[in-house]
Amino acid sequence: MQLKDSRAEIDVIDNEIVKLLKKRFNIAEEIGRAKKTLGIDVVDIDRDSEVLENYKKHAEAELNEEFLTELVKLILKYSKEAQK
């Protein structure tokens, strides 16, 4: 595969990542509205741990654990912002 082709493939993947993140944050906003209605705090440490473990399980050993942890923390941080 040539460099140009590889870069084009990465562009497609990056676009998918952005679409999925938008979808995730839209759902986080819905969750925030539901939590507000139910009087539930935005922060749920148990759920955060569950999400991180789910990422690790699906990544298996193919992704650097430190990278994955930082990525999940960042996603969760902005998901909470979307919930407020």
Protein backbone atom coordinates (compact mmCIF):
# COMPACT_ATOMS: atom_id res chain seq x y z
CA MET A 1 0.00 0.00 0.00
CA GLN A 2 1.34 3.41 -0.90
CA LEU A 3 1.68 6.32 1.51
CA LYS A 4 -1.13 8.23 -0.20
CA ASP A 5 -3.48 5.25 0.11
CA SER A 6 -2.60 4.71 3.76
CA ARG A 7 -3.24 8.37 4.53
CA ALA A 8 -6.57 8.25 2.71
CA GLU A 9 -7.55 5.22 4.78
CA ILE A 10 -6.58 7.03 8.00
CA ASP A 11 -8.70 10.02 6.91
CA VAL A 12 -11.72 7.73 6.56
CA ILE A 13 -11.08 6.24 10.01
CA ASP A 14 -10.63 9.71 11.55
CA ASN A 15 -13.93 10.84 10.05
CA GLU A 16 -15.65 7.79 11.55
CA ILE A 17 -14.09 8.53 14.95
CA VAL A 18 -15.43 12.09 14.82
CA LYS A 19 -18.91 10.87 13.84
CA LEU A 20 -18.92 8.35 16.68
CA LEU A 21 -17.71 10.93 19.21
CA LYS A 22 -20.47 13.33 18.13
CA LYS A 23 -23.01 10.55 18.56
CA ARG A 24 -21.58 9.66 21.98
CA PHE A 25 -21.70 13.25 23.22
CA ASN A 26 -25.29 13.67 21.95
CA ILE A 27 -26.27 10.61 23.95
CA ALA A 28 -24.36 11.98 26.96
CA GLU A 29 -26.51 15.13 26.72
CA GLU A 30 -29.63 12.94 26.80
CA ILE A 31 -28.27 11.11 29.84
CA GLY A 32 -27.57 14.46 31.50
CA ARG A 33 -31.17 15.54 31.01
CA ALA A 34 -32.41 12.23 32.43
CA LYS A 35 -30.07 12.50 35.42
CA LYS A 36 -31.25 16.04 36.10
CA THR A 37 -34.89 14.92 35.99
CA LEU A 38 -34.10 12.03 38.35
CA GLY A 39 -31.93 14.17 40.63
CA ILE A 40 -28.88 12.00 39.99
CA ASP A 41 -25.34 13.42 40.13
CA VAL A 42 -23.46 13.65 36.82
CA VAL A 43 -20.40 11.95 38.32
CA ASP A 44 -20.66 8.15 38.65
CA ILE A 45 -17.27 6.71 39.58
CA ASP A 46 -18.49 3.12 39.28
CA ARG A 47 -19.75 3.76 35.73
CA ASP A 48 -16.47 5.46 34.81
CA SER A 49 -14.55 2.37 35.96
CA GLU A 50 -16.94 0.14 34.04
CA VAL A 51 -16.41 2.17 30.84
CA LEU A 52 -12.63 2.05 31.21
CA GLU A 53 -12.64 -1.71 31.80
CA ASN A 54 -14.88 -2.17 28.76
CA TYR A 55 -12.40 -0.25 26.60
CA LYS A 56 -9.51 -2.31 27.94
CA LYS A 57 -11.37 -5.56 27.34
CA HIS A 58 -12.08 -4.69 23.72
CA ALA A 59 -8.59 -3.36 23.08
CA GLU A 60 -7.05 -6.54 24.47
CA ALA A 61 -3.27 -6.10 24.33
CA GLU A 62 -3.29 -4.29 21.00
CA LEU A 63 -3.37 -0.75 22.40
CA ASN A 64 -1.04 0.84 24.91
CA GLU A 65 -2.86 0.79 28.25
CA GLU A 66 -1.62 4.26 29.27
CA PHE A 67 -2.85 5.72 25.97
CA LEU A 68 -6.20 3.97 26.34
CA THR A 69 -6.64 5.16 29.92
CA GLU A 70 -5.87 8.76 28.98
CA LEU A 71 -8.20 8.57 25.98
CA VAL A 72 -11.07 7.21 28.07
CA LYS A 73 -10.52 9.82 30.79
CA LEU A 74 -10.69 12.55 28.15
CA ILE A 75 -13.84 11.12 26.58
CA LEU A 76 -15.48 10.78 30.01
CA LYS A 77 -14.47 14.32 30.97
CA TYR A 78 -16.17 15.79 27.91
CA SER A 79 -19.13 13.45 28.25
CA LYS A 80 -19.71 14.87 31.73
CA GLU A 81 -19.46 18.38 30.31
CA ALA A 82 -22.12 17.44 27.76
CA GLN A 83 -24.32 16.17 30.60
CA LYS A 84 -24.24 19.49 32.48
